[in-house]
Amino acid sequence: MNDLLDPLKNPVTYAAPFFLLTILIELAALKWLDHDDNTTGYALKDARASISMGVVSVVFLTLFKVVTFFGFTAVFAYLALWELPTDEWWYWVLVILGVDLGYYFHHRFSHRVRIAWAGHQAHHSSEFMNFGTALRQKWNPWFEFFFWLPLPLLGFAPWTLYVAFGVNLIFQFYVHTELVDRLPRPIEYVFNTPSHHRVHHGSDPEYLDKNYGGILIIWDRLFGTFTRERQRPTYGLTKKVETYNLLKLQYGDYVDIARDVRSTRRWRHKLGYVFGPPGWTPKDEASEDDLVLPRR
């Protein structure tokens, strides 16, 4: 546990100064270099909200580590089919791939189930696409536990899951920008790139719920959720939040869920409001358009 909570053994600790440096470089490029006037750039209030969310998310991520570590350790100690050697190079390749695959399914779940989307939507609430937006992290990471659970069962040491996830987070920071165009085709085919992730942050109908990958985009290609960037996305939520209040950004959707649940006496409808897709509405209260394209 001491090693798990030691910031010097967390790869994100060493990446943090480079995050700041990259933001400064992006700001300088937006100001002094020639670039597409359509780029969203930075807005002070938006960037301040994003960075504040990122700072506070460190506290919740630490709590997540403490709580989930005991569950992963119990599975690893008593149920694991075997124990994989952490001192082999191939182990780290496999654990990074495993965490990335788990991230894909968790990310997809977070977009398609309303109670999970209520936590994740804060990351999508900005109408800007820049490195500051990458820091706009959620404060409710609890569902991730279930998607990582198969890994200790397969013999991956619990502490290595957090290291691999740190690598995943570092990689994903660098795909939040409009200043990088498409990369060479082999890279675009295998890896998540700024072009792919711009699509993911788009609120345009053709971009909704696409490109869930963290490090690799091949998961989206395999499971049918990939689409390429055809035109510049409209960033943010389909229903604009119009606030910089951190509590409303992080917890406003939970309040909406509670209000919807209280509005009906039918248990089927209550469960639909919680576990249905974002924007789910009972058939007798929804238009055909609502049923075809849930609002998020």
C-alpha atoms as a PDB file:
ATOM      1  CA  MET A   1       0.000   0.000   0.000  1.00  0.00           C
ATOM      2  CA  ASN A   2       2.880   2.374   0.779  1.00  0.00           C
ATOM      3  CA  ASP A   3       4.342   1.759  -2.666  1.00  0.00           C
ATOM      4  CA  LEU A   4       0.942   2.241  -4.254  1.00  0.00           C
ATOM      5  CA  LEU A   5       0.467   5.662  -2.634  1.00  0.00           C
ATOM      6  CA  ASP A   6       4.072   6.805  -3.102  1.00  0.00           C
ATOM      7  CA  PRO A   7       3.885   9.643  -5.689  1.00  0.00           C
ATOM      8  CA  LEU A   8       7.466   8.902  -6.746  1.00  0.00           C
ATOM      9  CA  LYS A   9       6.300   5.512  -8.031  1.00  0.00           C
ATOM     10  CA  ASN A  10       3.449   6.982 -10.041  1.00  0.00           C
ATOM     11  CA  PRO A  11       4.393   7.738 -13.682  1.00  0.00           C
ATOM     12  CA  VAL A  12       1.894  10.625 -13.757  1.00  0.00           C
ATOM     13  CA  THR A  13       4.011  12.451 -11.147  1.00  0.00           C
ATOM     14  CA  TYR A  14       6.925  12.624 -13.566  1.00  0.00           C
ATOM     15  CA  ALA A  15       4.658  13.566 -16.463  1.00  0.00           C
ATOM     16  CA  ALA A  16       2.970  16.491 -14.654  1.00  0.00           C
ATOM     17  CA  PRO A  17       5.741  19.066 -15.408  1.00  0.00           C
ATOM     18  CA  PHE A  18       5.593  18.031 -19.067  1.00  0.00           C
ATOM     19  CA  PHE A  19       1.812  18.522 -19.046  1.00  0.00           C
ATOM     20  CA  LEU A  20       2.352  22.123 -17.925  1.00  0.00           C
ATOM     21  CA  LEU A  21       5.146  22.649 -20.457  1.00  0.00           C
ATOM     22  CA  THR A  22       2.969  21.266 -23.257  1.00  0.00           C
ATOM     23  CA  ILE A  23       0.111  23.612 -22.334  1.00  0.00           C
ATOM     24  CA  LEU A  24       2.526  26.575 -22.440  1.00  0.00           C
ATOM     25  CA  ILE A  25       3.841  25.459 -25.834  1.00  0.00           C
ATOM     26  CA  GLU A  26       0.294  25.105 -27.153  1.00  0.00           C
ATOM     27  CA  LEU A  27      -0.587  28.590 -25.875  1.00  0.00           C
ATOM     28  CA  ALA A  28       2.505  30.019 -27.565  1.00  0.00           C
ATOM     29  CA  ALA A  29       1.694  28.238 -30.823  1.00  0.00           C
ATOM     30  CA  LEU A  30      -1.866  29.546 -30.776  1.00  0.00           C
ATOM     31  CA  LYS A  31      -0.621  33.075 -30.213  1.00  0.00           C
ATOM     32  CA  TRP A  32       2.406  33.381 -32.469  1.00  0.00           C
ATOM     33  CA  LEU A  33       2.374  30.661 -35.112  1.00  0.00           C
ATOM     34  CA  ASP A  34       0.187  30.387 -38.168  1.00  0.00           C
ATOM     35  CA  HIS A  35      -2.698  28.024 -37.514  1.00  0.00           C
ATOM     36  CA  ASP A  36      -6.244  27.357 -38.580  1.00  0.00           C
ATOM     37  CA  ASP A  37      -8.501  30.160 -37.310  1.00  0.00           C
ATOM     38  CA  ASN A  38     -11.122  27.523 -36.530  1.00  0.00           C
ATOM     39  CA  THR A  39      -9.127  26.170 -33.578  1.00  0.00           C
ATOM     40  CA  THR A  40     -10.881  26.808 -30.306  1.00  0.00           C
ATOM     41  CA  GLY A  41      -7.793  27.919 -28.393  1.00  0.00           C
ATOM     42  CA  TYR A  42      -8.200  28.688 -24.682  1.00  0.00           C
ATOM     43  CA  ALA A  43     -10.628  30.668 -22.550  1.00  0.00           C
ATOM     44  CA  LEU A  44      -9.511  31.598 -19.049  1.00  0.00           C
ATOM     45  CA  LYS A  45     -12.656  30.468 -17.197  1.00  0.00           C
ATOM     46  CA  ASP A  46     -12.828  27.206 -19.123  1.00  0.00           C
ATOM     47  CA  ALA A  47      -9.143  26.399 -18.605  1.00  0.00           C
ATOM     48  CA  ARG A  48      -9.371  27.296 -14.917  1.00  0.00           C
ATOM     49  CA  ALA A  49     -12.338  24.928 -14.495  1.00  0.00           C
ATOM     50  CA  SER A  50     -10.505  22.122 -16.325  1.00  0.00           C
ATOM     51  CA  ILE A  51      -7.315  22.480 -14.304  1.00  0.00           C
ATOM     52  CA  SER A  52      -9.264  22.709 -11.029  1.00  0.00           C
ATOM     53  CA  MET A  53     -11.118  19.497 -11.899  1.00  0.00           C
ATOM     54  CA  GLY A  54      -7.804  17.814 -12.604  1.00  0.00           C
ATOM     55  CA  VAL A  55      -6.297  18.852  -9.280  1.00  0.00           C
ATOM     56  CA  VAL A  56      -9.300  17.671  -7.247  1.00  0.00           C
ATOM     57  CA  SER A  57      -9.520  14.434  -9.255  1.00  0.00           C
ATOM     58  CA  VAL A  58      -6.144  13.420  -7.809  1.00  0.00           C
ATOM     59  CA  VAL A  59      -7.824  13.121  -4.395  1.00  0.00           C
ATOM     60  CA  PHE A  60     -10.638  10.935  -5.742  1.00  0.00           C
ATOM     61  CA  LEU A  61      -8.220   8.826  -7.780  1.00  0.00           C
ATOM     62  CA  THR A  62      -6.167   8.199  -4.640  1.00  0.00           C
ATOM     63  CA  LEU A  63      -9.314   7.092  -2.784  1.00  0.00           C
ATOM     64  CA  PHE A  64     -10.137   4.847  -5.738  1.00  0.00           C
ATOM     65  CA  LYS A  65      -6.687   3.241  -5.482  1.00  0.00           C
ATOM     66  CA  VAL A  66      -7.044   2.587  -1.757  1.00  0.00           C
ATOM     67  CA  VAL A  67     -10.554   1.116  -1.981  1.00  0.00           C
ATOM     68  CA  THR A  68     -10.008  -1.026  -5.065  1.00  0.00           C
ATOM     69  CA  PHE A  69      -6.549  -2.257  -4.100  1.00  0.00           C
ATOM     70  CA  PHE A  70      -8.007  -4.523  -1.406  1.00  0.00           C
ATOM     71  CA  GLY A  71     -10.492  -6.048  -3.852  1.00  0.00           C
ATOM     72  CA  PHE A  72      -7.861  -6.644  -6.529  1.00  0.00           C
ATOM     73  CA  THR A  73      -5.456  -8.086  -3.971  1.00  0.00           C
ATOM     74  CA  ALA A  74      -8.074 -10.524  -2.644  1.00  0.00           C
ATOM     75  CA  VAL A  75      -8.832 -11.762  -6.171  1.00  0.00           C
ATOM     76  CA  PHE A  76      -5.121 -12.012  -6.986  1.00  0.00           C
ATOM     77  CA  ALA A  77      -4.268 -13.859  -3.765  1.00  0.00           C
ATOM     78  CA  TYR A  78      -7.161 -16.327  -3.624  1.00  0.00           C
ATOM     79  CA  LEU A  79      -8.661 -16.680  -7.094  1.00  0.00           C
ATOM     80  CA  ALA A  80      -5.912 -15.987  -9.636  1.00  0.00           C
ATOM     81  CA  LEU A  81      -5.427 -18.797 -12.142  1.00  0.00           C
ATOM     82  CA  TRP A  82      -1.654 -18.218 -12.037  1.00  0.00           C
ATOM     83  CA  GLU A  83       0.828 -15.480 -11.162  1.00  0.00           C
ATOM     84  CA  LEU A  84       2.616 -13.719 -13.998  1.00  0.00           C
ATOM     85  CA  PRO A  85       6.228 -12.533 -13.498  1.00  0.00           C
ATOM     86  CA  THR A  86       6.404  -8.755 -13.255  1.00  0.00           C
ATOM     87  CA  ASP A  87      10.122  -8.684 -14.074  1.00  0.00           C
ATOM     88  CA  GLU A  88       9.635  -9.795 -17.690  1.00  0.00           C
ATOM     89  CA  TRP A  89       9.354  -7.205 -20.470  1.00  0.00           C
ATOM     90  CA  TRP A  90       6.380  -8.988 -22.061  1.00  0.00           C
ATOM     91  CA  TYR A  91       4.466  -8.712 -18.786  1.00  0.00           C
ATOM     92  CA  TRP A  92       4.365  -4.935 -19.119  1.00  0.00           C
ATOM     93  CA  VAL A  93       3.249  -5.138 -22.724  1.00  0.00           C
ATOM     94  CA  LEU A  94       0.396  -7.434 -21.713  1.00  0.00           C
ATOM     95  CA  VAL A  95      -0.715  -5.421 -18.677  1.00  0.00           C
ATOM     96  CA  ILE A  96      -0.749  -2.175 -20.672  1.00  0.00           C
ATOM     97  CA  LEU A  97      -2.804  -3.912 -23.381  1.00  0.00           C
ATOM     98  CA  GLY A  98      -5.124  -5.424 -20.760  1.00  0.00           C
ATOM     99  CA  VAL A  99      -5.719  -2.122 -18.997  1.00  0.00           C
ATOM    100  CA  ASP A 100      -6.277  -0.408 -22.343  1.00  0.00           C
ATOM    101  CA  LEU A 101      -8.862  -3.008 -23.370  1.00  0.00           C
ATOM    102  CA  GLY A 102     -10.577  -2.629 -19.996  1.00  0.00           C
ATOM    103  CA  TYR A 103     -10.495   1.127 -20.474  1.00  0.00           C
ATOM    104  CA  TYR A 104     -12.196   0.779 -23.864  1.00  0.00           C
ATOM    105  CA  PHE A 105     -15.122  -1.199 -22.423  1.00  0.00           C
ATOM    106  CA  HIS A 106     -15.391   1.036 -19.363  1.00  0.00           C
ATOM    107  CA  HIS A 107     -15.330   4.132 -21.573  1.00  0.00           C
ATOM    108  CA  ARG A 108     -18.026   2.657 -23.809  1.00  0.00           C
ATOM    109  CA  PHE A 109     -20.099   1.759 -20.752  1.00  0.00           C
ATOM    110  CA  SER A 110     -19.686   5.322 -19.456  1.00  0.00           C
ATOM    111  CA  HIS A 111     -21.257   6.703 -22.625  1.00  0.00           C
ATOM    112  CA  ARG A 112     -24.103   4.216 -22.920  1.00  0.00           C
ATOM    113  CA  VAL A 113     -25.355   3.896 -19.317  1.00  0.00           C
ATOM    114  CA  ARG A 114     -26.768   7.047 -17.781  1.00  0.00           C
ATOM    115  CA  ILE A 115     -25.540   6.575 -14.201  1.00  0.00           C
ATOM    116  CA  ALA A 116     -21.992   6.119 -15.516  1.00  0.00           C
ATOM    117  CA  TRP A 117     -22.370   8.975 -18.007  1.00  0.00           C
ATOM    118  CA  ALA A 118     -23.371  11.247 -15.111  1.00  0.00           C
ATOM    119  CA  GLY A 119     -19.816  10.932 -13.820  1.00  0.00           C
ATOM    120  CA  HIS A 120     -18.029  10.961 -17.170  1.00  0.00           C
ATOM    121  CA  GLN A 121     -19.907  13.848 -18.828  1.00  0.00           C
ATOM    122  CA  ALA A 122     -17.860  16.411 -16.891  1.00  0.00           C
ATOM    123  CA  HIS A 123     -14.872  15.570 -19.084  1.00  0.00           C
ATOM    124  CA  HIS A 124     -16.941  16.315 -22.204  1.00  0.00           C
ATOM    125  CA  SER A 125     -18.512  19.512 -20.889  1.00  0.00           C
ATOM    126  CA  SER A 126     -15.913  21.858 -22.348  1.00  0.00           C
ATOM    127  CA  GLU A 127     -16.554  23.413 -25.747  1.00  0.00           C
ATOM    128  CA  PHE A 128     -12.799  23.718 -26.211  1.00  0.00           C
ATOM    129  CA  MET A 129     -10.322  21.113 -27.417  1.00  0.00           C
ATOM    130  CA  ASN A 130      -6.869  21.714 -26.009  1.00  0.00           C
ATOM    131  CA  PHE A 131      -4.375  20.202 -23.596  1.00  0.00           C
ATOM    132  CA  GLY A 132      -6.120  21.975 -20.725  1.00  0.00           C
ATOM    133  CA  THR A 133      -9.289  20.031 -21.532  1.00  0.00           C
ATOM    134  CA  ALA A 134      -7.344  16.807 -20.969  1.00  0.00           C
ATOM    135  CA  LEU A 135      -7.128  17.759 -17.290  1.00  0.00           C
ATOM    136  CA  ARG A 136     -10.929  18.089 -16.984  1.00  0.00           C
ATOM    137  CA  GLN A 137     -11.204  14.754 -15.193  1.00  0.00           C
ATOM    138  CA  LYS A 138     -14.169  13.163 -13.461  1.00  0.00           C
ATOM    139  CA  TRP A 139     -14.368  12.795  -9.701  1.00  0.00           C
ATOM    140  CA  ASN A 140     -16.294   9.499  -9.817  1.00  0.00           C
ATOM    141  CA  PRO A 141     -14.037   6.680 -11.108  1.00  0.00           C
ATOM    142  CA  TRP A 142     -15.725   3.835  -9.240  1.00  0.00           C
ATOM    143  CA  PHE A 143     -17.103   1.790 -12.142  1.00  0.00           C
ATOM    144  CA  GLU A 144     -13.563   1.229 -13.460  1.00  0.00           C
ATOM    145  CA  PHE A 145     -13.061  -1.421 -10.771  1.00  0.00           C
ATOM    146  CA  PHE A 146     -15.369  -3.902 -12.498  1.00  0.00           C
ATOM    147  CA  PHE A 147     -13.606  -3.577 -15.842  1.00  0.00           C
ATOM    148  CA  TRP A 148     -10.165  -4.150 -14.352  1.00  0.00           C
ATOM    149  CA  LEU A 149     -11.303  -7.076 -12.189  1.00  0.00           C
ATOM    150  CA  PRO A 150     -10.468  -9.799 -14.776  1.00  0.00           C
ATOM    151  CA  LEU A 151      -6.808  -8.734 -14.790  1.00  0.00           C
ATOM    152  CA  PRO A 152      -5.824  -9.860 -11.260  1.00  0.00           C
ATOM    153  CA  LEU A 153      -7.844 -13.034 -11.918  1.00  0.00           C
ATOM    154  CA  LEU A 154      -5.544 -13.651 -14.888  1.00  0.00           C
ATOM    155  CA  GLY A 155      -2.442 -13.236 -12.729  1.00  0.00           C
ATOM    156  CA  PHE A 156      -1.567  -9.564 -13.120  1.00  0.00           C
ATOM    157  CA  ALA A 157      -0.222  -8.093  -9.882  1.00  0.00           C
ATOM    158  CA  PRO A 158      -2.648  -5.404  -8.605  1.00  0.00           C
ATOM    159  CA  TRP A 159      -0.037  -2.670  -8.196  1.00  0.00           C
ATOM    160  CA  THR A 160       0.940  -2.960 -11.845  1.00  0.00           C
ATOM    161  CA  LEU A 161      -2.609  -2.102 -12.959  1.00  0.00           C
ATOM    162  CA  TYR A 162      -2.236   1.395 -11.539  1.00  0.00           C
ATOM    163  CA  VAL A 163       1.143   1.866 -13.193  1.00  0.00           C
ATOM    164  CA  ALA A 164      -0.325   0.790 -16.543  1.00  0.00           C
ATOM    165  CA  PHE A 165      -3.292   3.109 -16.067  1.00  0.00           C
ATOM    166  CA  GLY A 166      -0.875   5.947 -15.332  1.00  0.00           C
ATOM    167  CA  VAL A 167       0.803   5.274 -18.678  1.00  0.00           C
ATOM    168  CA  ASN A 168      -2.657   5.254 -20.288  1.00  0.00           C
ATOM    169  CA  LEU A 169      -3.523   8.644 -18.772  1.00  0.00           C
ATOM    170  CA  ILE A 170      -0.233  10.167 -19.894  1.00  0.00           C
ATOM    171  CA  PHE A 171      -0.783   8.991 -23.471  1.00  0.00           C
ATOM    172  CA  GLN A 172      -4.314  10.344 -23.525  1.00  0.00           C
ATOM    173  CA  PHE A 173      -3.239  13.808 -22.415  1.00  0.00           C
ATOM    174  CA  TYR A 174      -1.489  14.322 -25.733  1.00  0.00           C
ATOM    175  CA  VAL A 175      -4.486  13.515 -27.948  1.00  0.00           C
ATOM    176  CA  HIS A 176      -6.424  16.552 -26.704  1.00  0.00           C
ATOM    177  CA  THR A 177      -5.410  19.171 -29.254  1.00  0.00           C
ATOM    178  CA  GLU A 178      -6.431  20.715 -32.539  1.00  0.00           C
ATOM    179  CA  LEU A 179      -2.896  21.722 -33.496  1.00  0.00           C
ATOM    180  CA  VAL A 180      -1.881  18.229 -34.623  1.00  0.00           C
ATOM    181  CA  ASP A 181      -3.368  17.109 -37.924  1.00  0.00           C
ATOM    182  CA  ARG A 182      -3.613  13.503 -39.070  1.00  0.00           C
ATOM    183  CA  LEU A 183      -0.491  11.452 -38.476  1.00  0.00           C
ATOM    184  CA  PRO A 184       0.984   8.871 -40.912  1.00  0.00           C
ATOM    185  CA  ARG A 185      -1.552   6.212 -41.868  1.00  0.00           C
ATOM    186  CA  PRO A 186      -0.001   3.250 -39.940  1.00  0.00           C
ATOM    187  CA  ILE A 187      -0.100   5.299 -36.715  1.00  0.00           C
ATOM    188  CA  GLU A 188      -3.666   6.438 -37.379  1.00  0.00           C
ATOM    189  CA  TYR A 189      -4.723   2.834 -37.998  1.00  0.00           C
ATOM    190  CA  VAL A 190      -3.340   1.419 -34.735  1.00  0.00           C
ATOM    191  CA  PHE A 191      -3.189   4.229 -32.176  1.00  0.00           C
ATOM    192  CA  ASN A 192      -5.580   6.770 -30.752  1.00  0.00           C
ATOM    193  CA  THR A 193      -4.523  10.123 -32.207  1.00  0.00           C
ATOM    194  CA  PRO A 194      -5.621  13.766 -31.885  1.00  0.00           C
ATOM    195  CA  SER A 195      -7.742  13.322 -35.016  1.00  0.00           C
ATOM    196  CA  HIS A 196      -9.529  10.265 -33.595  1.00  0.00           C
ATOM    197  CA  HIS A 197     -10.036  11.873 -30.201  1.00  0.00           C
ATOM    198  CA  ARG A 198     -11.407  15.101 -31.644  1.00  0.00           C
ATOM    199  CA  VAL A 199     -14.171  12.920 -33.084  1.00  0.00           C
ATOM    200  CA  HIS A 200     -14.808  11.443 -29.642  1.00  0.00           C
ATOM    201  CA  HIS A 201     -15.305  14.918 -28.150  1.00  0.00           C
ATOM    202  CA  GLY A 202     -17.673  15.975 -30.931  1.00  0.00           C
ATOM    203  CA  SER A 203     -21.365  16.491 -30.230  1.00  0.00           C
ATOM    204  CA  ASP A 204     -22.306  16.170 -33.913  1.00  0.00           C
ATOM    205  CA  PRO A 205     -24.764  13.278 -34.508  1.00  0.00           C
ATOM    206  CA  GLU A 206     -22.310  11.351 -36.694  1.00  0.00           C
ATOM    207  CA  TYR A 207     -19.605  11.603 -34.006  1.00  0.00           C
ATOM    208  CA  LEU A 208     -21.631  10.653 -30.915  1.00  0.00           C
ATOM    209  CA  ASP A 209     -20.341   7.626 -28.997  1.00  0.00           C
ATOM    210  CA  LYS A 210     -17.396   6.907 -31.278  1.00  0.00           C
ATOM    211  CA  ASN A 211     -13.655   6.312 -30.808  1.00  0.00           C
ATOM    212  CA  TYR A 212     -13.555   5.134 -27.196  1.00  0.00           C
ATOM    213  CA  GLY A 213      -9.950   3.905 -27.326  1.00  0.00           C
ATOM    214  CA  GLY A 214      -7.340   5.075 -24.828  1.00  0.00           C
ATOM    215  CA  ILE A 215      -3.962   4.184 -26.320  1.00  0.00           C
ATOM    216  CA  LEU A 216      -5.113   1.963 -29.178  1.00  0.00           C
ATOM    217  CA  ILE A 217      -7.843   2.691 -31.700  1.00  0.00           C
ATOM    218  CA  ILE A 218      -7.874  -0.911 -32.916  1.00  0.00           C
ATOM    219  CA  TRP A 219     -10.460  -1.752 -30.235  1.00  0.00           C
ATOM    220  CA  ASP A 220     -12.907   0.622 -31.926  1.00  0.00           C
ATOM    221  CA  ARG A 221     -12.120  -0.874 -35.315  1.00  0.00           C
ATOM    222  CA  LEU A 222     -12.683  -4.384 -33.944  1.00  0.00           C
ATOM    223  CA  PHE A 223     -15.926  -3.603 -32.084  1.00  0.00           C
ATOM    224  CA  GLY A 224     -17.558  -1.286 -34.623  1.00  0.00           C
ATOM    225  CA  THR A 225     -17.307   2.073 -32.824  1.00  0.00           C
ATOM    226  CA  PHE A 226     -14.722   3.754 -35.052  1.00  0.00           C
ATOM    227  CA  THR A 227     -15.322   6.708 -37.330  1.00  0.00           C
ATOM    228  CA  ARG A 228     -12.810   8.997 -38.983  1.00  0.00           C
ATOM    229  CA  GLU A 229     -12.698  12.768 -38.702  1.00  0.00           C
ATOM    230  CA  ARG A 230     -14.583  14.148 -41.697  1.00  0.00           C
ATOM    231  CA  GLN A 231     -15.122  17.741 -40.616  1.00  0.00           C
ATOM    232  CA  ARG A 232     -14.167  19.784 -37.612  1.00  0.00           C
ATOM    233  CA  PRO A 233     -16.286  18.625 -34.640  1.00  0.00           C
ATOM    234  CA  THR A 234     -18.537  20.773 -32.520  1.00  0.00           C
ATOM    235  CA  TYR A 235     -17.130  20.203 -29.051  1.00  0.00           C
ATOM    236  CA  GLY A 236     -19.008  19.820 -25.797  1.00  0.00           C
ATOM    237  CA  LEU A 237     -22.310  18.241 -24.829  1.00  0.00           C
ATOM    238  CA  THR A 238     -25.402  18.194 -27.012  1.00  0.00           C
ATOM    239  CA  LYS A 239     -27.100  20.021 -24.153  1.00  0.00           C
ATOM    240  CA  LYS A 240     -24.790  22.886 -23.178  1.00  0.00           C
ATOM    241  CA  VAL A 241     -24.065  23.187 -19.467  1.00  0.00           C
ATOM    242  CA  GLU A 242     -23.394  26.956 -19.497  1.00  0.00           C
ATOM    243  CA  THR A 243     -21.678  26.971 -16.092  1.00  0.00           C
ATOM    244  CA  TYR A 244     -18.185  26.881 -14.638  1.00  0.00           C
ATOM    245  CA  ASN A 245     -19.392  25.773 -11.215  1.00  0.00           C
ATOM    246  CA  LEU A 246     -17.359  22.640 -10.491  1.00  0.00           C
ATOM    247  CA  LEU A 247     -20.024  20.992  -8.334  1.00  0.00           C
ATOM    248  CA  LYS A 248     -22.691  21.475 -11.017  1.00  0.00           C
ATOM    249  CA  LEU A 249     -20.334  20.199 -13.711  1.00  0.00           C
ATOM    250  CA  GLN A 250     -19.463  17.096 -11.714  1.00  0.00           C
ATOM    251  CA  TYR A 251     -22.769  16.312  -9.995  1.00  0.00           C
ATOM    252  CA  GLY A 252     -25.488  18.113 -11.933  1.00  0.00           C
ATOM    253  CA  ASP A 253     -26.414  15.003 -13.895  1.00  0.00           C
ATOM    254  CA  TYR A 254     -26.871  12.986 -10.700  1.00  0.00           C
ATOM    255  CA  VAL A 255     -29.408  15.599  -9.548  1.00  0.00           C
ATOM    256  CA  ASP A 256     -31.206  15.244 -12.892  1.00  0.00           C
ATOM    257  CA  ILE A 257     -31.308  11.461 -12.506  1.00  0.00           C
ATOM    258  CA  ALA A 258     -32.788  11.751  -9.015  1.00  0.00           C
ATOM    259  CA  ARG A 259     -35.412  14.187 -10.319  1.00  0.00           C
ATOM    260  CA  ASP A 260     -36.383  11.845 -13.162  1.00  0.00           C
ATOM    261  CA  VAL A 261     -36.578   8.837 -10.847  1.00  0.00           C
ATOM    262  CA  ARG A 262     -38.894  10.728  -8.481  1.00  0.00           C
ATOM    263  CA  SER A 263     -41.096  11.790 -11.394  1.00  0.00           C
ATOM    264  CA  THR A 264     -42.455   8.283 -12.036  1.00  0.00           C
ATOM    265  CA  ARG A 265     -44.008   5.530  -9.933  1.00  0.00           C
ATOM    266  CA  ARG A 266     -43.210   2.720 -12.345  1.00  0.00           C
ATOM    267  CA  TRP A 267     -40.124   0.756 -11.370  1.00  0.00           C
ATOM    268  CA  ARG A 268     -39.354  -0.071 -14.988  1.00  0.00           C
ATOM    269  CA  HIS A 269     -39.173   3.636 -15.721  1.00  0.00           C
ATOM    270  CA  LYS A 270     -37.094   4.336 -12.608  1.00  0.00           C
ATOM    271  CA  LEU A 271     -34.567   1.714 -13.686  1.00  0.00           C
ATOM    272  CA  GLY A 272     -34.590   3.092 -17.227  1.00  0.00           C
ATOM    273  CA  TYR A 273     -33.713   6.567 -15.986  1.00  0.00           C
ATOM    274  CA  VAL A 274     -30.738   5.131 -14.084  1.00  0.00           C
ATOM    275  CA  PHE A 275     -29.442   2.334 -16.313  1.00  0.00           C
ATOM    276  CA  GLY A 276     -30.783   3.307 -19.722  1.00  0.00           C
ATOM    277  CA  PRO A 277     -28.687   5.310 -22.193  1.00  0.00           C
ATOM    278  CA  PRO A 278     -28.287   9.061 -21.625  1.00  0.00           C
ATOM    279  CA  GLY A 279     -31.475  10.806 -22.672  1.00  0.00           C
ATOM    280  CA  TRP A 280     -33.590   7.663 -22.223  1.00  0.00           C
ATOM    281  CA  THR A 281     -37.303   8.401 -21.968  1.00  0.00           C
ATOM    282  CA  PRO A 282     -40.250   5.979 -21.535  1.00  0.00           C
ATOM    283  CA  LYS A 283     -41.799   5.185 -24.899  1.00  0.00           C
ATOM    284  CA  ASP A 284     -45.119   6.672 -23.985  1.00  0.00           C
ATOM    285  CA  GLU A 285     -43.418   9.978 -23.183  1.00  0.00           C
ATOM    286  CA  ALA A 286     -40.849  10.168 -26.014  1.00  0.00           C
ATOM    287  CA  SER A 287     -40.917  11.160 -29.639  1.00  0.00           C
ATOM    288  CA  GLU A 288     -39.560   8.809 -32.270  1.00  0.00           C
ATOM    289  CA  ASP A 289     -36.459  11.026 -32.613  1.00  0.00           C
ATOM    290  CA  ASP A 290     -35.704  10.648 -28.917  1.00  0.00           C
ATOM    291  CA  LEU A 291     -35.789   6.886 -29.238  1.00  0.00           C
ATOM    292  CA  VAL A 292     -33.520   6.787 -32.283  1.00  0.00           C
ATOM    293  CA  LEU A 293     -30.868   9.225 -31.030  1.00  0.00           C
ATOM    294  CA  PRO A 294     -30.676   9.538 -27.235  1.00  0.00           C
ATOM    295  CA  ARG A 295     -29.625  13.005 -26.092  1.00  0.00           C
ATOM    296  CA  ARG A 296     -26.409  13.337 -24.129  1.00  0.00           C
END
